[in-house]
Amino acid sequence: QLEDLAYDLPAELIAQAPAPERTGARLLVMGSGDRFVHARMAALPDQLVAGDLLVLNDTRVIPARLRGRRPSGGRIEVL
């Protein structure tokens, strides 16, 4: 259900720019079960074990905006 994915994310916690030093960027690590650990990117090598798959995403964001209107008259914007 869509409501299972809803959560409150305060605007001040949304990154607006990369960390000045990439190794200082925050990292959320999911441990066994439902355990989460807050760490820094510098700790990533310590989190990996033999057999882990690391996927790197080096794609760029296309600065595009599509505006439309629903049949009901409501506005919609896709970024």
PDB file of N, CA and C in Angstrom:
ATOM      1  N   GLN A   1       0.826  -1.175   0.000  1.00  0.00           N
ATOM      2  CA  GLN A   1       0.000   0.000   0.000  1.00  0.00           C
ATOM      3  C   GLN A   1       0.878   1.250   0.000  1.00  0.00           C
ATOM      4  N   LEU A   2       0.443   2.262  -0.718  1.00  0.00           N
ATOM      5  CA  LEU A   2       1.205   3.492  -0.826  1.00  0.00           C
ATOM      6  C   LEU A   2       1.420   4.155   0.534  1.00  0.00           C
ATOM      7  N   GLU A   3       0.438   4.084   1.408  1.00  0.00           N
ATOM      8  CA  GLU A   3       0.580   4.723   2.716  1.00  0.00           C
ATOM      9  C   GLU A   3       1.668   4.061   3.571  1.00  0.00           C
ATOM     10  N   ASP A   4       2.046   2.823   3.254  1.00  0.00           N
ATOM     11  CA  ASP A   4       3.131   2.159   3.971  1.00  0.00           C
ATOM     12  C   ASP A   4       4.477   2.830   3.693  1.00  0.00           C
ATOM     13  N   LEU A   5       4.567   3.565   2.592  1.00  0.00           N
ATOM     14  CA  LEU A   5       5.814   4.218   2.207  1.00  0.00           C
ATOM     15  C   LEU A   5       5.889   5.669   2.660  1.00  0.00           C
ATOM     16  N   ALA A   6       4.824   6.179   3.223  1.00  0.00           N
ATOM     17  CA  ALA A   6       4.776   7.586   3.633  1.00  0.00           C
ATOM     18  C   ALA A   6       5.500   7.778   4.962  1.00  0.00           C
ATOM     19  N   TYR A   7       6.288   8.835   5.041  1.00  0.00           N
ATOM     20  CA  TYR A   7       6.948   9.203   6.287  1.00  0.00           C
ATOM     21  C   TYR A   7       7.239  10.693   6.261  1.00  0.00           C
ATOM     22  N   ASP A   8       7.428  11.259   7.442  1.00  0.00           N
ATOM     23  CA  ASP A   8       7.694  12.682   7.567  1.00  0.00           C
ATOM     24  C   ASP A   8       9.192  12.926   7.407  1.00  0.00           C
ATOM     25  N   LEU A   9       9.568  13.742   6.435  1.00  0.00           N
ATOM     26  CA  LEU A   9      10.961  14.104   6.218  1.00  0.00           C
ATOM     27  C   LEU A   9      11.062  15.614   6.284  1.00  0.00           C
ATOM     28  N   PRO A  10      11.564  16.144   7.400  1.00  0.00           N
ATOM     29  CA  PRO A  10      11.673  17.595   7.528  1.00  0.00           C
ATOM     30  C   PRO A  10      12.541  18.182   6.409  1.00  0.00           C
ATOM     31  N   ALA A  11      12.116  19.316   5.856  1.00  0.00           N
ATOM     32  CA  ALA A  11      12.815  19.943   4.730  1.00  0.00           C
ATOM     33  C   ALA A  11      14.276  20.238   5.065  1.00  0.00           C
ATOM     34  N   GLU A  12      14.564  20.576   6.322  1.00  0.00           N
ATOM     35  CA  GLU A  12      15.946  20.918   6.677  1.00  0.00           C
ATOM     36  C   GLU A  12      16.884  19.713   6.648  1.00  0.00           C
ATOM     37  N   LEU A  13      16.336  18.497   6.540  1.00  0.00           N
ATOM     38  CA  LEU A  13      17.171  17.301   6.467  1.00  0.00           C
ATOM     39  C   LEU A  13      17.429  16.846   5.039  1.00  0.00           C
ATOM     40  N   ILE A  14      16.846  17.525   4.064  1.00  0.00           N
ATOM     41  CA  ILE A  14      17.043  17.163   2.661  1.00  0.00           C
ATOM     42  C   ILE A  14      18.278  17.887   2.146  1.00  0.00           C
ATOM     43  N   ALA A  15      19.263  17.121   1.688  1.00  0.00           N
ATOM     44  CA  ALA A  15      20.515  17.710   1.200  1.00  0.00           C
ATOM     45  C   ALA A  15      20.238  18.562  -0.034  1.00  0.00           C
ATOM     46  N   GLN A  16      20.781  19.764  -0.033  1.00  0.00           N
ATOM     47  CA  GLN A  16      20.626  20.672  -1.161  1.00  0.00           C
ATOM     48  C   GLN A  16      21.899  20.740  -1.994  1.00  0.00           C
ATOM     49  N   ALA A  17      22.999  20.253  -1.457  1.00  0.00           N
ATOM     50  CA  ALA A  17      24.286  20.261  -2.152  1.00  0.00           C
ATOM     51  C   ALA A  17      25.131  19.121  -1.583  1.00  0.00           C
ATOM     52  N   PRO A  18      26.107  18.656  -2.356  1.00  0.00           N
ATOM     53  CA  PRO A  18      26.975  17.587  -1.831  1.00  0.00           C
ATOM     54  C   PRO A  18      27.776  18.061  -0.628  1.00  0.00           C
ATOM     55  N   ALA A  19      28.200  17.122   0.188  1.00  0.00           N
ATOM     56  CA  ALA A  19      29.061  17.442   1.331  1.00  0.00           C
ATOM     57  C   ALA A  19      30.365  18.029   0.800  1.00  0.00           C
ATOM     58  N   PRO A  20      30.937  19.024   1.499  1.00  0.00           N
ATOM     59  CA  PRO A  20      32.194  19.631   1.040  1.00  0.00           C
ATOM     60  C   PRO A  20      33.292  18.584   0.819  1.00  0.00           C
ATOM     61  N   GLU A  21      33.394  17.635   1.735  1.00  0.00           N
ATOM     62  CA  GLU A  21      34.321  16.520   1.566  1.00  0.00           C
ATOM     63  C   GLU A  21      33.481  15.261   1.443  1.00  0.00           C
ATOM     64  N   ARG A  22      33.573  14.571   0.311  1.00  0.00           N
ATOM     65  CA  ARG A  22      32.719  13.412   0.055  1.00  0.00           C
ATOM     66  C   ARG A  22      32.837  12.335   1.125  1.00  0.00           C
ATOM     67  N   THR A  23      34.011  12.158   1.711  1.00  0.00           N
ATOM     68  CA  THR A  23      34.154  11.136   2.752  1.00  0.00           C
ATOM     69  C   THR A  23      33.387  11.508   4.008  1.00  0.00           C
ATOM     70  N   GLY A  24      32.997  12.784   4.138  1.00  0.00           N
ATOM     71  CA  GLY A  24      32.226  13.230   5.288  1.00  0.00           C
ATOM     72  C   GLY A  24      30.731  13.083   5.099  1.00  0.00           C
ATOM     73  N   ALA A  25      30.300  12.678   3.891  1.00  0.00           N
ATOM     74  CA  ALA A  25      28.870  12.505   3.627  1.00  0.00           C
ATOM     75  C   ALA A  25      28.307  11.411   4.530  1.00  0.00           C
ATOM     76  N   ARG A  26      27.050  11.563   4.911  1.00  0.00           N
ATOM     77  CA  ARG A  26      26.425  10.595   5.813  1.00  0.00           C
ATOM     78  C   ARG A  26      26.037   9.322   5.063  1.00  0.00           C
ATOM     79  N   LEU A  27      26.023   8.231   5.792  1.00  0.00           N
ATOM     80  CA  LEU A  27      25.736   6.914   5.247  1.00  0.00           C
ATOM     81  C   LEU A  27      24.829   6.185   6.227  1.00  0.00           C
ATOM     82  N   LEU A  28      23.726   5.659   5.744  1.00  0.00           N
ATOM     83  CA  LEU A  28      22.828   4.861   6.579  1.00  0.00           C
ATOM     84  C   LEU A  28      23.058   3.397   6.234  1.00  0.00           C
ATOM     85  N   VAL A  29      23.476   2.632   7.212  1.00  0.00           N
ATOM     86  CA  VAL A  29      23.816   1.228   7.011  1.00  0.00           C
ATOM     87  C   VAL A  29      22.735   0.364   7.637  1.00  0.00           C
ATOM     88  N   MET A  30      22.210  -0.571   6.865  1.00  0.00           N
ATOM     89  CA  MET A  30      21.217  -1.504   7.383  1.00  0.00           C
ATOM     90  C   MET A  30      21.931  -2.782   7.790  1.00  0.00           C
ATOM     91  N   GLY A  31      21.855  -3.084   9.058  1.00  0.00           N
ATOM     92  CA  GLY A  31      22.504  -4.278   9.574  1.00  0.00           C
ATOM     93  C   GLY A  31      21.560  -5.459   9.528  1.00  0.00           C
ATOM     94  N   SER A  32      21.866  -6.474  10.301  1.00  0.00           N
ATOM     95  CA  SER A  32      21.005  -7.656  10.343  1.00  0.00           C
ATOM     96  C   SER A  32      19.665  -7.299  10.978  1.00  0.00           C
ATOM     97  N   GLY A  33      18.630  -7.916  10.497  1.00  0.00           N
ATOM     98  CA  GLY A  33      17.289  -7.607  10.990  1.00  0.00           C
ATOM     99  C   GLY A  33      16.886  -6.213  10.557  1.00  0.00           C
ATOM    100  N   ASP A  34      16.310  -5.469  11.457  1.00  0.00           N
ATOM    101  CA  ASP A  34      15.884  -4.099  11.156  1.00  0.00           C
ATOM    102  C   ASP A  34      16.789  -3.074  11.825  1.00  0.00           C
ATOM    103  N   ARG A  35      18.021  -3.426  12.074  1.00  0.00           N
ATOM    104  CA  ARG A  35      18.964  -2.539  12.746  1.00  0.00           C
ATOM    105  C   ARG A  35      19.592  -1.565  11.752  1.00  0.00           C
ATOM    106  N   PHE A  36      19.553  -0.282  12.059  1.00  0.00           N
ATOM    107  CA  PHE A  36      20.166   0.740  11.221  1.00  0.00           C
ATOM    108  C   PHE A  36      21.273   1.434  12.007  1.00  0.00           C
ATOM    109  N   VAL A  37      22.353   1.755  11.313  1.00  0.00           N
ATOM    110  CA  VAL A  37      23.485   2.431  11.935  1.00  0.00           C
ATOM    111  C   VAL A  37      23.813   3.669  11.114  1.00  0.00           C
ATOM    112  N   HIS A  38      23.977   4.812  11.779  1.00  0.00           N
ATOM    113  CA  HIS A  38      24.394   6.031  11.107  1.00  0.00           C
ATOM    114  C   HIS A  38      25.913   6.056  11.062  1.00  0.00           C
ATOM    115  N   ALA A  39      26.465   6.280   9.868  1.00  0.00           N
ATOM    116  CA  ALA A  39      27.915   6.289   9.692  1.00  0.00           C
ATOM    117  C   ALA A  39      28.281   7.381   8.683  1.00  0.00           C
ATOM    118  N   ARG A  40      29.520   7.421   8.297  1.00  0.00           N
ATOM    119  CA  ARG A  40      30.035   8.354   7.287  1.00  0.00           C
ATOM    120  C   ARG A  40      30.580   7.538   6.119  1.00  0.00           C
ATOM    121  N   MET A  41      30.624   8.149   4.940  1.00  0.00           N
ATOM    122  CA  MET A  41      31.112   7.443   3.757  1.00  0.00           C
ATOM    123  C   MET A  41      32.520   6.912   3.947  1.00  0.00           C
ATOM    124  N   ALA A  42      33.318   7.592   4.750  1.00  0.00           N
ATOM    125  CA  ALA A  42      34.680   7.121   5.009  1.00  0.00           C
ATOM    126  C   ALA A  42      34.675   5.726   5.632  1.00  0.00           C
ATOM    127  N   ALA A  43      33.571   5.347   6.282  1.00  0.00           N
ATOM    128  CA  ALA A  43      33.472   4.038   6.933  1.00  0.00           C
ATOM    129  C   ALA A  43      32.970   2.953   5.982  1.00  0.00           C
ATOM    130  N   LEU A  44      32.676   3.297   4.746  1.00  0.00           N
ATOM    131  CA  LEU A  44      32.120   2.304   3.807  1.00  0.00           C
ATOM    132  C   LEU A  44      32.997   1.065   3.675  1.00  0.00           C
ATOM    133  N   PRO A  45      34.306   1.185   3.498  1.00  0.00           N
ATOM    134  CA  PRO A  45      35.115  -0.041   3.373  1.00  0.00           C
ATOM    135  C   PRO A  45      34.973  -0.981   4.572  1.00  0.00           C
ATOM    136  N   ASP A  46      34.750  -0.436   5.753  1.00  0.00           N
ATOM    137  CA  ASP A  46      34.589  -1.270   6.941  1.00  0.00           C
ATOM    138  C   ASP A  46      33.248  -1.995   6.958  1.00  0.00           C
ATOM    139  N   GLN A  47      32.290  -1.531   6.165  1.00  0.00           N
ATOM    140  CA  GLN A  47      30.951  -2.127   6.140  1.00  0.00           C
ATOM    141  C   GLN A  47      30.853  -3.275   5.144  1.00  0.00           C
ATOM    142  N   LEU A  48      31.780  -3.353   4.204  1.00  0.00           N
ATOM    143  CA  LEU A  48      31.710  -4.361   3.145  1.00  0.00           C
ATOM    144  C   LEU A  48      32.372  -5.659   3.576  1.00  0.00           C
ATOM    145  N   VAL A  49      31.769  -6.759   3.161  1.00  0.00           N
ATOM    146  CA  VAL A  49      32.349  -8.079   3.425  1.00  0.00           C
ATOM    147  C   VAL A  49      32.452  -8.837   2.103  1.00  0.00           C
ATOM    148  N   ALA A  50      33.260  -9.876   2.091  1.00  0.00           N
ATOM    149  CA  ALA A  50      33.441 -10.679   0.883  1.00  0.00           C
ATOM    150  C   ALA A  50      32.084 -11.139   0.349  1.00  0.00           C
ATOM    151  N   GLY A  51      31.882 -10.971  -0.951  1.00  0.00           N
ATOM    152  CA  GLY A  51      30.631 -11.392  -1.582  1.00  0.00           C
ATOM    153  C   GLY A  51      29.620 -10.277  -1.740  1.00  0.00           C
ATOM    154  N   ASP A  52      29.849  -9.121  -1.111  1.00  0.00           N
ATOM    155  CA  ASP A  52      28.945  -7.976  -1.269  1.00  0.00           C
ATOM    156  C   ASP A  52      29.036  -7.441  -2.691  1.00  0.00           C
ATOM    157  N   LEU A  53      27.949  -6.911  -3.166  1.00  0.00           N
ATOM    158  CA  LEU A  53      27.890  -6.281  -4.483  1.00  0.00           C
ATOM    159  C   LEU A  53      27.765  -4.785  -4.278  1.00  0.00           C
ATOM    160  N   LEU A  54      28.674  -4.024  -4.840  1.00  0.00           N
ATOM    161  CA  LEU A  54      28.660  -2.572  -4.737  1.00  0.00           C
ATOM    162  C   LEU A  54      28.318  -2.018  -6.114  1.00  0.00           C
ATOM    163  N   VAL A  55      27.220  -1.277  -6.197  1.00  0.00           N
ATOM    164  CA  VAL A  55      26.767  -0.696  -7.455  1.00  0.00           C
ATOM    165  C   VAL A  55      27.009   0.801  -7.401  1.00  0.00           C
ATOM    166  N   LEU A  56      27.725   1.332  -8.366  1.00  0.00           N
ATOM    167  CA  LEU A  56      28.017   2.758  -8.427  1.00  0.00           C
ATOM    168  C   LEU A  56      27.145   3.407  -9.488  1.00  0.00           C
ATOM    169  N   ASN A  57      26.589   4.550  -9.154  1.00  0.00           N
ATOM    170  CA  ASN A  57      25.730   5.291 -10.073  1.00  0.00           C
ATOM    171  C   ASN A  57      26.430   6.603 -10.406  1.00  0.00           C
ATOM    172  N   ASP A  58      26.881   6.729 -11.647  1.00  0.00           N
ATOM    173  CA  ASP A  58      27.559   7.964 -12.043  1.00  0.00           C
ATOM    174  C   ASP A  58      26.745   8.741 -13.083  1.00  0.00           C
ATOM    175  N   THR A  59      25.440   8.503 -13.086  1.00  0.00           N
ATOM    176  CA  THR A  59      24.579   9.218 -14.032  1.00  0.00           C
ATOM    177  C   THR A  59      24.377  10.656 -13.584  1.00  0.00           C
ATOM    178  N   ARG A  60      24.053  11.490 -14.529  1.00  0.00           N
ATOM    179  CA  ARG A  60      23.797  12.897 -14.234  1.00  0.00           C
ATOM    180  C   ARG A  60      22.294  13.151 -14.323  1.00  0.00           C
ATOM    181  N   VAL A  61      21.844  14.136 -13.584  1.00  0.00           N
ATOM    182  CA  VAL A  61      20.439  14.513 -13.602  1.00  0.00           C
ATOM    183  C   VAL A  61      20.207  15.480 -14.762  1.00  0.00           C
ATOM    184  N   ILE A  62      19.189  15.224 -15.533  1.00  0.00           N
ATOM    185  CA  ILE A  62      18.826  16.127 -16.621  1.00  0.00           C
ATOM    186  C   ILE A  62      17.895  17.191 -16.041  1.00  0.00           C
ATOM    187  N   PRO A  63      18.268  18.462 -16.147  1.00  0.00           N
ATOM    188  CA  PRO A  63      17.406  19.516 -15.595  1.00  0.00           C
ATOM    189  C   PRO A  63      16.172  19.722 -16.476  1.00  0.00           C
ATOM    190  N   ALA A  64      15.175  18.878 -16.279  1.00  0.00           N
ATOM    191  CA  ALA A  64      13.976  18.935 -17.108  1.00  0.00           C
ATOM    192  C   ALA A  64      12.731  19.079 -16.241  1.00  0.00           C
ATOM    193  N   ARG A  65      11.732  19.743 -16.763  1.00  0.00           N
ATOM    194  CA  ARG A  65      10.478  19.937 -16.048  1.00  0.00           C
ATOM    195  C   ARG A  65       9.340  19.791 -17.054  1.00  0.00           C
ATOM    196  N   LEU A  66       8.326  19.034 -16.673  1.00  0.00           N
ATOM    197  CA  LEU A  66       7.150  18.839 -17.511  1.00  0.00           C
ATOM    198  C   LEU A  66       5.936  19.238 -16.687  1.00  0.00           C
ATOM    199  N   ARG A  67       5.200  20.203 -17.190  1.00  0.00           N
ATOM    200  CA  ARG A  67       3.997  20.657 -16.489  1.00  0.00           C
ATOM    201  C   ARG A  67       2.764  20.202 -17.267  1.00  0.00           C
ATOM    202  N   GLY A  68       1.722  19.856 -16.544  1.00  0.00           N
ATOM    203  CA  GLY A  68       0.492  19.410 -17.181  1.00  0.00           C
ATOM    204  C   GLY A  68      -0.709  19.704 -16.310  1.00  0.00           C
ATOM    205  N   ARG A  69      -1.845  19.290 -16.798  1.00  0.00           N
ATOM    206  CA  ARG A  69      -3.089  19.486 -16.069  1.00  0.00           C
ATOM    207  C   ARG A  69      -3.893  18.194 -16.163  1.00  0.00           C
ATOM    208  N   ARG A  70      -4.415  17.771 -15.034  1.00  0.00           N
ATOM    209  CA  ARG A  70      -5.228  16.556 -14.981  1.00  0.00           C
ATOM    210  C   ARG A  70      -6.606  16.837 -15.558  1.00  0.00           C
ATOM    211  N   PRO A  71      -7.314  15.801 -15.987  1.00  0.00           N
ATOM    212  CA  PRO A  71      -8.672  16.004 -16.495  1.00  0.00           C
ATOM    213  C   PRO A  71      -9.585  16.678 -15.467  1.00  0.00           C
ATOM    214  N   SER A  72      -9.270  16.485 -14.169  1.00  0.00           N
ATOM    215  CA  SER A  72     -10.082  17.105 -13.115  1.00  0.00           C
ATOM    216  C   SER A  72      -9.788  18.594 -12.963  1.00  0.00           C
ATOM    217  N   GLY A  73      -8.721  19.061 -13.646  1.00  0.00           N
ATOM    218  CA  GLY A  73      -8.338  20.461 -13.548  1.00  0.00           C
ATOM    219  C   GLY A  73      -7.130  20.695 -12.668  1.00  0.00           C
ATOM    220  N   GLY A  74      -6.733  19.685 -11.914  1.00  0.00           N
ATOM    221  CA  GLY A  74      -5.569  19.822 -11.038  1.00  0.00           C
ATOM    222  C   GLY A  74      -4.279  19.908 -11.836  1.00  0.00           C
ATOM    223  N   ARG A  75      -3.345  20.640 -11.306  1.00  0.00           N
ATOM    224  CA  ARG A  75      -2.044  20.798 -11.965  1.00  0.00           C
ATOM    225  C   ARG A  75      -1.096  19.677 -11.544  1.00  0.00           C
ATOM    226  N   ILE A  76      -0.198  19.319 -12.440  1.00  0.00           N
ATOM    227  CA  ILE A  76       0.796  18.297 -12.143  1.00  0.00           C
ATOM    228  C   ILE A  76       2.131  18.776 -12.704  1.00  0.00           C
ATOM    229  N   GLU A  77       3.203  18.458 -11.989  1.00  0.00           N
ATOM    230  CA  GLU A  77       4.540  18.829 -12.431  1.00  0.00           C
ATOM    231  C   GLU A  77       5.454  17.641 -12.207  1.00  0.00           C
ATOM    232  N   VAL A  78       6.216  17.283 -13.221  1.00  0.00           N
ATOM    233  CA  VAL A  78       7.138  16.151 -13.149  1.00  0.00           C
ATOM    234  C   VAL A  78       8.538  16.693 -13.373  1.00  0.00           C
ATOM    235  N   LEU A  79       9.446  16.362 -12.441  1.00  0.00           N
ATOM    236  CA  LEU A  79      10.838  16.775 -12.576  1.00  0.00           C
ATOM    237  C   LEU A  79      11.694  15.582 -12.899  1.00  0.00           C
TER     238      LEU A  79
END
